Amino acid sequence: MIREWFIGFHRPVLKPRLMFGHCEAWGWCDDDTWLFIDPQGKGMKVYSAFRYDDVEAQLQARRDLCQTILVLPAKDEFRIPLHGPMTCAAICGSLVGIRALLPSTLRRRLLAKGAEVYHEAERGSR
């Protein structure tokens, strides 16, 4: 069971699918296994890692890619809705019990729910 969720928010890009930004989620379990979920338009990428070097490489890649990373304790259960548009924000939000269509909405609702800022990139840096 996931103990803590991290939600990473990418910068908006001038491309049709990424003009509102993108988000992805990852978390760790009791046995130090990490689960990385990246919902994309062409399919969802799911990666599980438990070796220290693999986990560190994935975490460093997320810090480099994401403009903001929020951390939130996990609930005992989660539900994935089977209706409505399934955007990256809808999928990542369903993991922590929040409904959102856009990454900006998910970020705002996570902060209102008590999520902490784990990482924030400097403005203008890539």
Protein backbone atom coordinates (compact mmCIF):
# COMPACT_ATOMS: atom_id res chain seq x y z
CA MET A 1 0.00 0.00 0.00
CA ILE A 2 1.29 3.46 -0.89
CA ARG A 3 2.20 5.51 2.21
CA GLU A 4 2.98 8.89 0.66
CA TRP A 5 2.10 10.36 -2.74
CA PHE A 6 4.18 12.85 -4.68
CA ILE A 7 2.45 14.77 -7.47
CA GLY A 8 4.75 16.48 -9.97
CA PHE A 9 3.59 19.32 -12.21
CA HIS A 10 5.32 20.08 -15.51
CA ARG A 11 5.40 23.50 -17.14
CA PRO A 12 2.86 24.23 -19.87
CA VAL A 13 4.31 23.79 -23.37
CA LEU A 14 3.06 25.20 -26.66
CA LYS A 15 1.77 21.86 -27.92
CA PRO A 16 -1.91 20.90 -28.15
CA ARG A 17 -1.87 18.26 -25.39
CA LEU A 18 0.53 20.09 -23.09
CA MET A 19 -0.71 23.66 -23.28
CA PHE A 20 -2.33 23.38 -19.82
CA GLY A 21 0.64 21.53 -18.33
CA HIS A 22 1.07 17.92 -17.32
CA CYS A 23 1.22 16.05 -14.03
CA GLU A 24 2.39 12.66 -12.87
CA ALA A 25 2.36 10.80 -9.55
CA TRP A 26 4.67 8.53 -7.61
CA GLY A 27 4.78 7.11 -4.13
CA TRP A 28 6.51 4.67 -1.81
CA CYS A 29 5.28 1.56 -0.03
CA ASP A 30 6.11 -0.03 3.34
CA ASP A 31 8.69 -2.33 1.77
CA ASP A 32 10.58 0.59 0.14
CA THR A 33 9.19 -0.15 -3.30
CA TRP A 34 8.42 2.96 -5.35
CA LEU A 35 5.61 3.20 -7.91
CA PHE A 36 5.85 5.83 -10.69
CA ILE A 37 2.71 6.64 -12.73
CA ASP A 38 2.82 8.92 -15.77
CA PRO A 39 -0.59 9.20 -17.49
CA GLN A 40 -0.06 10.25 -21.11
CA GLY A 41 -2.35 10.68 -24.08
CA LYS A 42 -0.86 7.67 -25.86
CA GLY A 43 -1.03 5.42 -22.81
CA MET A 44 -0.09 5.30 -19.16
CA LYS A 45 3.50 4.59 -18.15
CA VAL A 46 3.83 2.65 -14.89
CA TYR A 47 7.21 1.83 -13.41
CA SER A 48 8.07 0.09 -10.16
CA ALA A 49 11.52 0.31 -8.59
CA PHE A 50 13.07 -0.97 -5.40
CA ARG A 51 16.84 -0.85 -5.95
CA TYR A 52 18.38 2.30 -4.47
CA ASP A 53 20.15 3.34 -7.69
CA ASP A 54 17.00 2.92 -9.80
CA VAL A 55 14.87 4.88 -7.33
CA GLU A 56 17.43 7.70 -7.06
CA ALA A 57 17.65 7.96 -10.85
CA GLN A 58 13.86 8.19 -11.16
CA LEU A 59 13.57 10.75 -8.35
CA GLN A 60 16.32 12.91 -9.87
CA ALA A 61 14.61 12.74 -13.27
CA ARG A 62 11.33 13.88 -11.65
CA ARG A 63 13.07 16.82 -9.92
CA ASP A 64 14.57 17.84 -13.26
CA LEU A 65 11.29 17.52 -15.20
CA CYS A 66 8.79 18.97 -12.74
CA GLN A 67 8.39 22.64 -11.97
CA THR A 68 6.58 21.87 -8.71
CA ILE A 69 6.31 18.69 -6.63
CA LEU A 70 3.73 18.37 -3.85
CA VAL A 71 3.72 15.63 -1.22
CA LEU A 72 0.63 14.28 0.52
CA PRO A 73 0.09 11.32 2.90
CA ALA A 74 -1.86 8.51 1.26
CA LYS A 75 -5.34 7.40 2.28
CA ASP A 76 -6.10 3.77 3.04
CA GLU A 77 -7.95 3.35 -0.23
CA PHE A 78 -8.36 5.10 -3.55
CA ARG A 79 -10.87 4.93 -6.35
CA ILE A 80 -10.45 5.62 -10.02
CA PRO A 81 -13.58 7.07 -11.63
CA LEU A 82 -14.82 5.32 -14.74
CA HIS A 83 -16.68 8.29 -16.15
CA GLY A 84 -15.83 11.73 -17.44
CA PRO A 85 -12.65 12.85 -19.14
CA MET A 86 -9.56 11.04 -17.94
CA THR A 87 -6.87 13.68 -18.15
CA CYS A 88 -3.55 13.38 -16.36
CA ALA A 89 -4.96 15.57 -13.58
CA ALA A 90 -8.09 13.41 -13.27
CA ILE A 91 -6.00 10.24 -12.94
CA CYS A 92 -3.46 11.69 -10.49
CA GLY A 93 -6.22 13.37 -8.50
CA SER A 94 -8.18 10.14 -8.19
CA LEU A 95 -5.16 8.54 -6.50
CA VAL A 96 -5.45 11.03 -3.62
CA GLY A 97 -9.24 11.51 -3.65
CA ILE A 98 -9.50 14.83 -5.52
CA ARG A 99 -11.48 15.57 -8.66
CA ALA A 100 -9.76 17.83 -11.16
CA LEU A 101 -9.71 18.26 -14.91
CA LEU A 102 -6.62 20.47 -15.30
CA PRO A 103 -3.23 20.30 -13.57
CA SER A 104 -3.65 23.85 -12.26
CA THR A 105 -6.94 22.88 -10.59
CA LEU A 106 -5.36 19.76 -9.07
CA ARG A 107 -2.43 21.80 -7.72
CA ARG A 108 -4.75 24.38 -6.14
CA ARG A 109 -6.96 21.71 -4.54
CA LEU A 110 -3.98 19.74 -3.23
CA LEU A 111 -2.57 22.85 -1.56
CA ALA A 112 -6.01 23.62 -0.07
CA LYS A 113 -6.14 20.06 1.29
CA GLY A 114 -2.82 20.46 3.11
CA ALA A 115 -0.26 19.15 0.64
CA GLU A 116 3.26 20.43 1.22
CA VAL A 117 5.59 21.81 -1.44
CA TYR A 118 8.43 19.30 -1.71
CA HIS A 119 10.26 20.92 -4.63
CA GLU A 120 9.80 24.10 -6.63
CA ALA A 121 12.04 25.04 -9.55
CA GLU A 122 13.27 28.58 -9.91
CA ARG A 123 11.34 30.73 -12.36
CA GLY A 124 12.84 30.65 -15.84
CA SER A 125 15.01 27.57 -15.24
CA ARG A 126 14.44 24.40 -17.23
